[in-house]
Amino acid sequence: MYIIRIVAWGLSGKDLHIWRIALERDEAEVRSLRPLLSQTELDRAARFRFEKDRRHYLAAHTILRKLLLEYLQWPPAPFDFQYGTEGKPCIPTSELRFNLSHSGEVALAAFTLGHELGVDVERIREGVNDEGIAQRFFSPSEAAALLALPEDQRDRAFFRIWTRKEAYVKARGGGLTIPLDSFDVSVHPDKAELLRASDRNRWTMFHLEAGPGYCAAAVTEAGVDSVRMFSA
């Protein structure tokens, strides 16, 4: 077993790199990168019912693979991930940690060096809380903070809370085993915080700008204090 040091784009142990990936892109570009995908990814892409979802999945995963190869400084060729008990992919021969999220026509790929992380992006949809999702899945304090806002601010605030909670769950790798009402996050538009959690001191939360009409957040293990945004 050997450890690969990462030097691409100046990624250091204190950095979080976020790549904003536009999912509507040239078909020829995506097709040229398809050989980088694993058979598992190709099989999953083939199962999408709608062509747009298939295109977006392929775009997100081919660009992620391209970025990973740049960070790892590997030649362009397919490689296999290993997966944790909750299905979180990793590269065991490297200190590089990564995570991917996509919604609408945007994906975010996040990278750190030696720090577990999670990222989430969501396209803002109107009236999503009319279904009472916050009352069912958010903590009582989060639901109350949401309802205390003027009605015209609630849709965006709902997705701020949702992306921050999803990023934390993804960072921990707990999936559905972590109840969403078992921890609290902030609703403040610019200040993302993990307010209550059994391991609160382990993590740092970041508000991300993913573009008009989107909310996004990232969570890393403590020690990361610099965020750099890129476009792909």
C-alpha atoms as a PDB file:
ATOM      1  CA  MET A   1       0.000   0.000   0.000  1.00  0.00           C
ATOM      2  CA  TYR A   2       1.311   3.436  -0.902  1.00  0.00           C
ATOM      3  CA  ILE A   3       0.081   6.981  -0.399  1.00  0.00           C
ATOM      4  CA  ILE A   4      -0.192   9.408  -3.289  1.00  0.00           C
ATOM      5  CA  ARG A   5       0.511  13.050  -2.468  1.00  0.00           C
ATOM      6  CA  ILE A   6      -1.754  15.579  -4.130  1.00  0.00           C
ATOM      7  CA  VAL A   7      -0.328  18.752  -5.650  1.00  0.00           C
ATOM      8  CA  ALA A   8      -2.798  19.644  -8.430  1.00  0.00           C
ATOM      9  CA  TRP A   9      -4.306  23.139  -8.126  1.00  0.00           C
ATOM     10  CA  GLY A  10      -2.370  23.679  -4.891  1.00  0.00           C
ATOM     11  CA  LEU A  11      -4.617  21.480  -2.740  1.00  0.00           C
ATOM     12  CA  SER A  12      -3.236  21.380   0.797  1.00  0.00           C
ATOM     13  CA  GLY A  13      -4.418  19.851   4.045  1.00  0.00           C
ATOM     14  CA  LYS A  14      -6.269  23.041   5.008  1.00  0.00           C
ATOM     15  CA  ASP A  15      -8.111  23.476   1.711  1.00  0.00           C
ATOM     16  CA  LEU A  16     -11.547  22.613   0.414  1.00  0.00           C
ATOM     17  CA  HIS A  17     -11.820  22.718  -3.365  1.00  0.00           C
ATOM     18  CA  ILE A  18     -15.301  22.976  -4.878  1.00  0.00           C
ATOM     19  CA  TRP A  19     -15.858  22.497  -8.608  1.00  0.00           C
ATOM     20  CA  ARG A  20     -19.120  23.717 -10.113  1.00  0.00           C
ATOM     21  CA  ILE A  21     -19.947  21.475 -13.068  1.00  0.00           C
ATOM     22  CA  ALA A  22     -22.446  22.586 -15.698  1.00  0.00           C
ATOM     23  CA  LEU A  23     -24.377  19.460 -16.662  1.00  0.00           C
ATOM     24  CA  GLU A  24     -25.709  20.716 -19.986  1.00  0.00           C
ATOM     25  CA  ARG A  25     -22.577  20.280 -22.052  1.00  0.00           C
ATOM     26  CA  ASP A  26     -21.350  19.125 -25.418  1.00  0.00           C
ATOM     27  CA  GLU A  27     -22.253  15.490 -26.086  1.00  0.00           C
ATOM     28  CA  ALA A  28     -18.945  14.900 -27.847  1.00  0.00           C
ATOM     29  CA  GLU A  29     -17.019  15.954 -24.731  1.00  0.00           C
ATOM     30  CA  VAL A  30     -18.970  13.575 -22.497  1.00  0.00           C
ATOM     31  CA  ARG A  31     -18.687  10.778 -25.041  1.00  0.00           C
ATOM     32  CA  SER A  32     -14.905  11.228 -25.215  1.00  0.00           C
ATOM     33  CA  LEU A  33     -14.679  10.793 -21.433  1.00  0.00           C
ATOM     34  CA  ARG A  34     -17.001   7.779 -21.162  1.00  0.00           C
ATOM     35  CA  PRO A  35     -14.044   5.319 -21.284  1.00  0.00           C
ATOM     36  CA  LEU A  36     -13.030   6.670 -17.850  1.00  0.00           C
ATOM     37  CA  LEU A  37     -16.241   5.376 -16.230  1.00  0.00           C
ATOM     38  CA  SER A  38     -16.528   2.075 -14.419  1.00  0.00           C
ATOM     39  CA  GLN A  39     -18.949  -0.586 -15.589  1.00  0.00           C
ATOM     40  CA  THR A  40     -21.046   0.082 -12.487  1.00  0.00           C
ATOM     41  CA  GLU A  41     -21.466   3.715 -13.518  1.00  0.00           C
ATOM     42  CA  LEU A  42     -22.295   2.784 -17.107  1.00  0.00           C
ATOM     43  CA  ASP A  43     -24.891   0.279 -15.929  1.00  0.00           C
ATOM     44  CA  ARG A  44     -26.499   2.841 -13.656  1.00  0.00           C
ATOM     45  CA  ALA A  45     -26.625   5.415 -16.436  1.00  0.00           C
ATOM     46  CA  ALA A  46     -28.405   2.932 -18.687  1.00  0.00           C
ATOM     47  CA  ARG A  47     -31.154   2.468 -16.094  1.00  0.00           C
ATOM     48  CA  PHE A  48     -32.314   6.088 -16.132  1.00  0.00           C
ATOM     49  CA  ARG A  49     -35.793   6.385 -17.572  1.00  0.00           C
ATOM     50  CA  PHE A  50     -35.422   9.911 -18.916  1.00  0.00           C
ATOM     51  CA  GLU A  51     -32.734  10.926 -21.391  1.00  0.00           C
ATOM     52  CA  LYS A  52     -32.025  14.227 -19.623  1.00  0.00           C
ATOM     53  CA  ASP A  53     -31.331  12.432 -16.328  1.00  0.00           C
ATOM     54  CA  ARG A  54     -29.006  10.031 -18.133  1.00  0.00           C
ATOM     55  CA  ARG A  55     -27.107  12.918 -19.778  1.00  0.00           C
ATOM     56  CA  HIS A  56     -26.730  14.763 -16.510  1.00  0.00           C
ATOM     57  CA  TYR A  57     -25.531  11.662 -14.648  1.00  0.00           C
ATOM     58  CA  LEU A  58     -22.927  10.936 -17.328  1.00  0.00           C
ATOM     59  CA  ALA A  59     -21.759  14.551 -17.394  1.00  0.00           C
ATOM     60  CA  ALA A  60     -21.357  14.709 -13.610  1.00  0.00           C
ATOM     61  CA  HIS A  61     -19.511  11.423 -13.327  1.00  0.00           C
ATOM     62  CA  THR A  62     -17.250  11.824 -16.351  1.00  0.00           C
ATOM     63  CA  ILE A  63     -16.122  15.277 -15.211  1.00  0.00           C
ATOM     64  CA  LEU A  64     -15.616  13.965 -11.663  1.00  0.00           C
ATOM     65  CA  ARG A  65     -13.397  11.205 -13.047  1.00  0.00           C
ATOM     66  CA  LYS A  66     -11.445  13.722 -15.116  1.00  0.00           C
ATOM     67  CA  LEU A  67     -10.871  15.922 -12.058  1.00  0.00           C
ATOM     68  CA  LEU A  68      -9.848  12.955  -9.921  1.00  0.00           C
ATOM     69  CA  LEU A  69      -7.230  11.949 -12.478  1.00  0.00           C
ATOM     70  CA  GLU A  70      -5.865  15.498 -12.466  1.00  0.00           C
ATOM     71  CA  TYR A  71      -5.640  15.569  -8.681  1.00  0.00           C
ATOM     72  CA  LEU A  72      -4.130  12.095  -8.517  1.00  0.00           C
ATOM     73  CA  GLN A  73      -1.846  12.777 -11.484  1.00  0.00           C
ATOM     74  CA  TRP A  74      -2.791   9.453 -12.985  1.00  0.00           C
ATOM     75  CA  PRO A  75      -2.912   8.707 -16.726  1.00  0.00           C
ATOM     76  CA  PRO A  76      -6.393   8.829 -18.338  1.00  0.00           C
ATOM     77  CA  ALA A  77      -7.772   5.365 -17.717  1.00  0.00           C
ATOM     78  CA  PRO A  78     -10.705   3.867 -15.785  1.00  0.00           C
ATOM     79  CA  PHE A  79     -10.127   2.876 -12.163  1.00  0.00           C
ATOM     80  CA  ASP A  80     -12.262   1.363  -9.442  1.00  0.00           C
ATOM     81  CA  PHE A  81     -13.401   2.995  -6.237  1.00  0.00           C
ATOM     82  CA  GLN A  82     -13.683   1.184  -2.968  1.00  0.00           C
ATOM     83  CA  TYR A  83     -16.832   1.750  -0.936  1.00  0.00           C
ATOM     84  CA  GLY A  84     -17.429   2.146   2.782  1.00  0.00           C
ATOM     85  CA  THR A  85     -20.183   0.340   4.647  1.00  0.00           C
ATOM     86  CA  GLU A  86     -22.643   3.090   3.675  1.00  0.00           C
ATOM     87  CA  GLY A  87     -21.613   3.123   0.030  1.00  0.00           C
ATOM     88  CA  LYS A  88     -19.347   6.182   0.175  1.00  0.00           C
ATOM     89  CA  PRO A  89     -16.650   5.884  -2.513  1.00  0.00           C
ATOM     90  CA  CYS A  90     -12.974   6.340  -1.734  1.00  0.00           C
ATOM     91  CA  ILE A  91      -9.520   5.759  -3.196  1.00  0.00           C
ATOM     92  CA  PRO A  92      -7.665   3.757  -0.536  1.00  0.00           C
ATOM     93  CA  THR A  93      -4.189   4.432  -1.976  1.00  0.00           C
ATOM     94  CA  SER A  94      -4.618   8.186  -1.626  1.00  0.00           C
ATOM     95  CA  GLU A  95      -5.199  10.875   0.974  1.00  0.00           C
ATOM     96  CA  LEU A  96      -7.615  12.544  -1.454  1.00  0.00           C
ATOM     97  CA  ARG A  97     -11.206  12.696  -0.232  1.00  0.00           C
ATOM     98  CA  PHE A  98     -14.027  13.637  -2.573  1.00  0.00           C
ATOM     99  CA  ASN A  99     -17.791  13.912  -2.797  1.00  0.00           C
ATOM    100  CA  LEU A 100     -20.298  14.679  -5.535  1.00  0.00           C
ATOM    101  CA  SER A 101     -23.812  16.095  -5.592  1.00  0.00           C
ATOM    102  CA  HIS A 102     -26.017  17.153  -8.492  1.00  0.00           C
ATOM    103  CA  SER A 103     -29.420  18.752  -8.903  1.00  0.00           C
ATOM    104  CA  GLY A 104     -31.096  20.427 -11.837  1.00  0.00           C
ATOM    105  CA  GLU A 105     -28.375  21.422 -14.282  1.00  0.00           C
ATOM    106  CA  VAL A 106     -25.571  21.826 -11.725  1.00  0.00           C
ATOM    107  CA  ALA A 107     -23.208  19.429  -9.972  1.00  0.00           C
ATOM    108  CA  LEU A 108     -20.684  20.183  -7.239  1.00  0.00           C
ATOM    109  CA  ALA A 109     -17.571  18.078  -6.794  1.00  0.00           C
ATOM    110  CA  ALA A 110     -15.687  18.626  -3.527  1.00  0.00           C
ATOM    111  CA  PHE A 111     -12.096  17.639  -2.712  1.00  0.00           C
ATOM    112  CA  THR A 112      -9.972  17.712   0.444  1.00  0.00           C
ATOM    113  CA  LEU A 113      -6.694  16.176   1.489  1.00  0.00           C
ATOM    114  CA  GLY A 114      -7.051  13.799   4.430  1.00  0.00           C
ATOM    115  CA  HIS A 115     -10.358  15.188   5.745  1.00  0.00           C
ATOM    116  CA  GLU A 116     -13.706  13.441   5.405  1.00  0.00           C
ATOM    117  CA  LEU A 117     -16.273  15.619   3.674  1.00  0.00           C
ATOM    118  CA  GLY A 118     -19.763  15.894   2.265  1.00  0.00           C
ATOM    119  CA  VAL A 119     -21.324  18.293  -0.228  1.00  0.00           C
ATOM    120  CA  ASP A 120     -24.906  18.886  -1.280  1.00  0.00           C
ATOM    121  CA  VAL A 121     -26.542  21.117  -3.886  1.00  0.00           C
ATOM    122  CA  GLU A 122     -30.265  21.501  -4.517  1.00  0.00           C
ATOM    123  CA  ARG A 123     -32.263  23.455  -7.067  1.00  0.00           C
ATOM    124  CA  ILE A 124     -34.696  25.702  -5.191  1.00  0.00           C
ATOM    125  CA  ARG A 125     -38.313  24.725  -5.832  1.00  0.00           C
ATOM    126  CA  GLU A 126     -41.305  26.797  -4.803  1.00  0.00           C
ATOM    127  CA  GLY A 127     -43.774  25.553  -2.233  1.00  0.00           C
ATOM    128  CA  VAL A 128     -41.720  22.522  -1.245  1.00  0.00           C
ATOM    129  CA  ASN A 129     -42.597  22.971   2.421  1.00  0.00           C
ATOM    130  CA  ASP A 130     -46.322  23.019   1.684  1.00  0.00           C
ATOM    131  CA  GLU A 131     -46.078  19.243   2.053  1.00  0.00           C
ATOM    132  CA  GLY A 132     -44.925  19.581   5.668  1.00  0.00           C
ATOM    133  CA  ILE A 133     -41.493  18.098   5.000  1.00  0.00           C
ATOM    134  CA  ALA A 134     -39.791  20.359   7.563  1.00  0.00           C
ATOM    135  CA  GLN A 135     -42.192  19.264  10.306  1.00  0.00           C
ATOM    136  CA  ARG A 136     -41.554  15.602   9.485  1.00  0.00           C
ATOM    137  CA  PHE A 137     -37.801  15.606   9.030  1.00  0.00           C
ATOM    138  CA  PHE A 138     -36.258  18.739  10.562  1.00  0.00           C
ATOM    139  CA  SER A 139     -35.639  19.184  14.270  1.00  0.00           C
ATOM    140  CA  PRO A 140     -38.263  21.184  16.202  1.00  0.00           C
ATOM    141  CA  SER A 141     -35.937  24.212  16.466  1.00  0.00           C
ATOM    142  CA  GLU A 142     -35.188  24.169  12.725  1.00  0.00           C
ATOM    143  CA  ALA A 143     -38.874  23.873  11.811  1.00  0.00           C
ATOM    144  CA  ALA A 144     -39.697  26.748  14.165  1.00  0.00           C
ATOM    145  CA  ALA A 145     -36.914  28.931  12.728  1.00  0.00           C
ATOM    146  CA  LEU A 146     -38.201  28.244   9.223  1.00  0.00           C
ATOM    147  CA  LEU A 147     -41.805  29.108  10.061  1.00  0.00           C
ATOM    148  CA  ALA A 148     -40.706  32.294  11.820  1.00  0.00           C
ATOM    149  CA  LEU A 149     -39.444  33.712   8.518  1.00  0.00           C
ATOM    150  CA  PRO A 150     -41.595  35.740   6.127  1.00  0.00           C
ATOM    151  CA  GLU A 151     -43.373  33.421   3.704  1.00  0.00           C
ATOM    152  CA  ASP A 152     -41.454  34.695   0.678  1.00  0.00           C
ATOM    153  CA  GLN A 153     -38.149  33.650   2.315  1.00  0.00           C
ATOM    154  CA  ARG A 154     -39.124  30.137   3.331  1.00  0.00           C
ATOM    155  CA  ASP A 155     -38.403  28.226   0.112  1.00  0.00           C
ATOM    156  CA  ARG A 156     -34.760  29.328  -0.013  1.00  0.00           C
ATOM    157  CA  ALA A 157     -34.382  28.875   3.755  1.00  0.00           C
ATOM    158  CA  PHE A 158     -35.811  25.359   3.519  1.00  0.00           C
ATOM    159  CA  PHE A 159     -33.120  24.371   1.024  1.00  0.00           C
ATOM    160  CA  ARG A 160     -30.398  26.046   3.074  1.00  0.00           C
ATOM    161  CA  ILE A 161     -31.333  23.797   5.978  1.00  0.00           C
ATOM    162  CA  TRP A 162     -31.744  20.743   3.753  1.00  0.00           C
ATOM    163  CA  THR A 163     -28.365  21.061   2.006  1.00  0.00           C
ATOM    164  CA  ARG A 164     -26.551  21.686   5.287  1.00  0.00           C
ATOM    165  CA  LYS A 165     -28.117  18.609   6.842  1.00  0.00           C
ATOM    166  CA  GLU A 166     -27.412  16.444   3.795  1.00  0.00           C
ATOM    167  CA  ALA A 167     -23.786  17.608   3.638  1.00  0.00           C
ATOM    168  CA  TYR A 168     -23.309  16.643   7.302  1.00  0.00           C
ATOM    169  CA  VAL A 169     -24.882  13.215   6.829  1.00  0.00           C
ATOM    170  CA  LYS A 170     -22.736  12.590   3.744  1.00  0.00           C
ATOM    171  CA  ALA A 171     -19.571  13.679   5.567  1.00  0.00           C
ATOM    172  CA  ARG A 172     -20.285  11.231   8.368  1.00  0.00           C
ATOM    173  CA  GLY A 173     -21.101   8.473   5.891  1.00  0.00           C
ATOM    174  CA  GLY A 174     -24.122   7.459   7.923  1.00  0.00           C
ATOM    175  CA  GLY A 175     -26.782   7.639   5.240  1.00  0.00           C
ATOM    176  CA  LEU A 176     -30.271   6.818   6.422  1.00  0.00           C
ATOM    177  CA  THR A 177     -28.957   5.624   9.796  1.00  0.00           C
ATOM    178  CA  ILE A 178     -28.672   9.272  10.963  1.00  0.00           C
ATOM    179  CA  PRO A 179     -32.127  10.763  11.643  1.00  0.00           C
ATOM    180  CA  LEU A 180     -32.352  14.270  10.208  1.00  0.00           C
ATOM    181  CA  ASP A 181     -34.012  15.545  13.382  1.00  0.00           C
ATOM    182  CA  SER A 182     -31.156  14.295  15.594  1.00  0.00           C
ATOM    183  CA  PHE A 183     -29.005  17.381  14.950  1.00  0.00           C
ATOM    184  CA  ASP A 184     -29.485  21.111  14.269  1.00  0.00           C
ATOM    185  CA  VAL A 185     -28.038  23.388  11.597  1.00  0.00           C
ATOM    186  CA  SER A 186     -28.335  27.148  11.173  1.00  0.00           C
ATOM    187  CA  VAL A 187     -30.852  28.820   8.876  1.00  0.00           C
ATOM    188  CA  HIS A 188     -28.807  32.039   8.454  1.00  0.00           C
ATOM    189  CA  PRO A 189     -28.287  32.808   4.753  1.00  0.00           C
ATOM    190  CA  ASP A 190     -24.519  33.331   4.932  1.00  0.00           C
ATOM    191  CA  LYS A 191     -23.383  31.668   8.153  1.00  0.00           C
ATOM    192  CA  ALA A 192     -23.565  27.881   7.918  1.00  0.00           C
ATOM    193  CA  GLU A 193     -23.153  26.201  11.298  1.00  0.00           C
ATOM    194  CA  LEU A 194     -23.645  22.823  12.886  1.00  0.00           C
ATOM    195  CA  LEU A 195     -25.433  23.949  16.049  1.00  0.00           C
ATOM    196  CA  ARG A 196     -26.184  20.643  17.750  1.00  0.00           C
ATOM    197  CA  ALA A 197     -24.694  17.190  17.146  1.00  0.00           C
ATOM    198  CA  SER A 198     -23.047  14.475  19.191  1.00  0.00           C
ATOM    199  CA  ASP A 199     -19.773  15.090  17.301  1.00  0.00           C
ATOM    200  CA  ARG A 200     -20.198  18.807  16.649  1.00  0.00           C
ATOM    201  CA  ASN A 201     -16.551  19.692  17.364  1.00  0.00           C
ATOM    202  CA  ARG A 202     -15.328  17.265  14.710  1.00  0.00           C
ATOM    203  CA  TRP A 203     -16.841  19.194  11.786  1.00  0.00           C
ATOM    204  CA  THR A 204     -16.776  22.536   9.998  1.00  0.00           C
ATOM    205  CA  MET A 205     -19.709  23.639   7.826  1.00  0.00           C
ATOM    206  CA  PHE A 206     -19.480  25.954   4.801  1.00  0.00           C
ATOM    207  CA  HIS A 207     -22.085  27.932   2.879  1.00  0.00           C
ATOM    208  CA  LEU A 208     -21.459  27.632  -0.883  1.00  0.00           C
ATOM    209  CA  GLU A 209     -22.587  29.784  -3.799  1.00  0.00           C
ATOM    210  CA  ALA A 210     -23.742  27.380  -6.509  1.00  0.00           C
ATOM    211  CA  GLY A 211     -25.433  29.936  -8.761  1.00  0.00           C
ATOM    212  CA  PRO A 212     -28.850  31.598  -9.085  1.00  0.00           C
ATOM    213  CA  GLY A 213     -31.691  29.313  -8.094  1.00  0.00           C
ATOM    214  CA  TYR A 214     -29.550  26.869  -6.098  1.00  0.00           C
ATOM    215  CA  CYS A 215     -28.545  26.287  -2.473  1.00  0.00           C
ATOM    216  CA  ALA A 216     -25.432  24.395  -1.474  1.00  0.00           C
ATOM    217  CA  ALA A 217     -23.312  23.504   1.546  1.00  0.00           C
ATOM    218  CA  ALA A 218     -20.261  21.472   2.431  1.00  0.00           C
ATOM    219  CA  VAL A 219     -19.044  19.870   5.651  1.00  0.00           C
ATOM    220  CA  THR A 220     -15.468  18.810   6.351  1.00  0.00           C
ATOM    221  CA  GLU A 221     -13.573  17.498   9.318  1.00  0.00           C
ATOM    222  CA  ALA A 222     -12.112  20.310  11.421  1.00  0.00           C
ATOM    223  CA  GLY A 223      -8.821  21.679  10.166  1.00  0.00           C
ATOM    224  CA  VAL A 224     -10.050  22.947   6.804  1.00  0.00           C
ATOM    225  CA  ASP A 225     -10.213  26.747   6.764  1.00  0.00           C
ATOM    226  CA  SER A 226      -9.936  27.748   3.105  1.00  0.00           C
ATOM    227  CA  VAL A 227     -12.527  27.280   0.335  1.00  0.00           C
ATOM    228  CA  ARG A 228     -11.689  27.747  -3.341  1.00  0.00           C
ATOM    229  CA  MET A 229     -14.319  27.605  -6.073  1.00  0.00           C
ATOM    230  CA  PHE A 230     -13.617  26.462  -9.634  1.00  0.00           C
ATOM    231  CA  SER A 231     -15.721  25.869 -12.732  1.00  0.00           C
ATOM    232  CA  ALA A 232     -15.597  22.811 -14.965  1.00  0.00           C
END
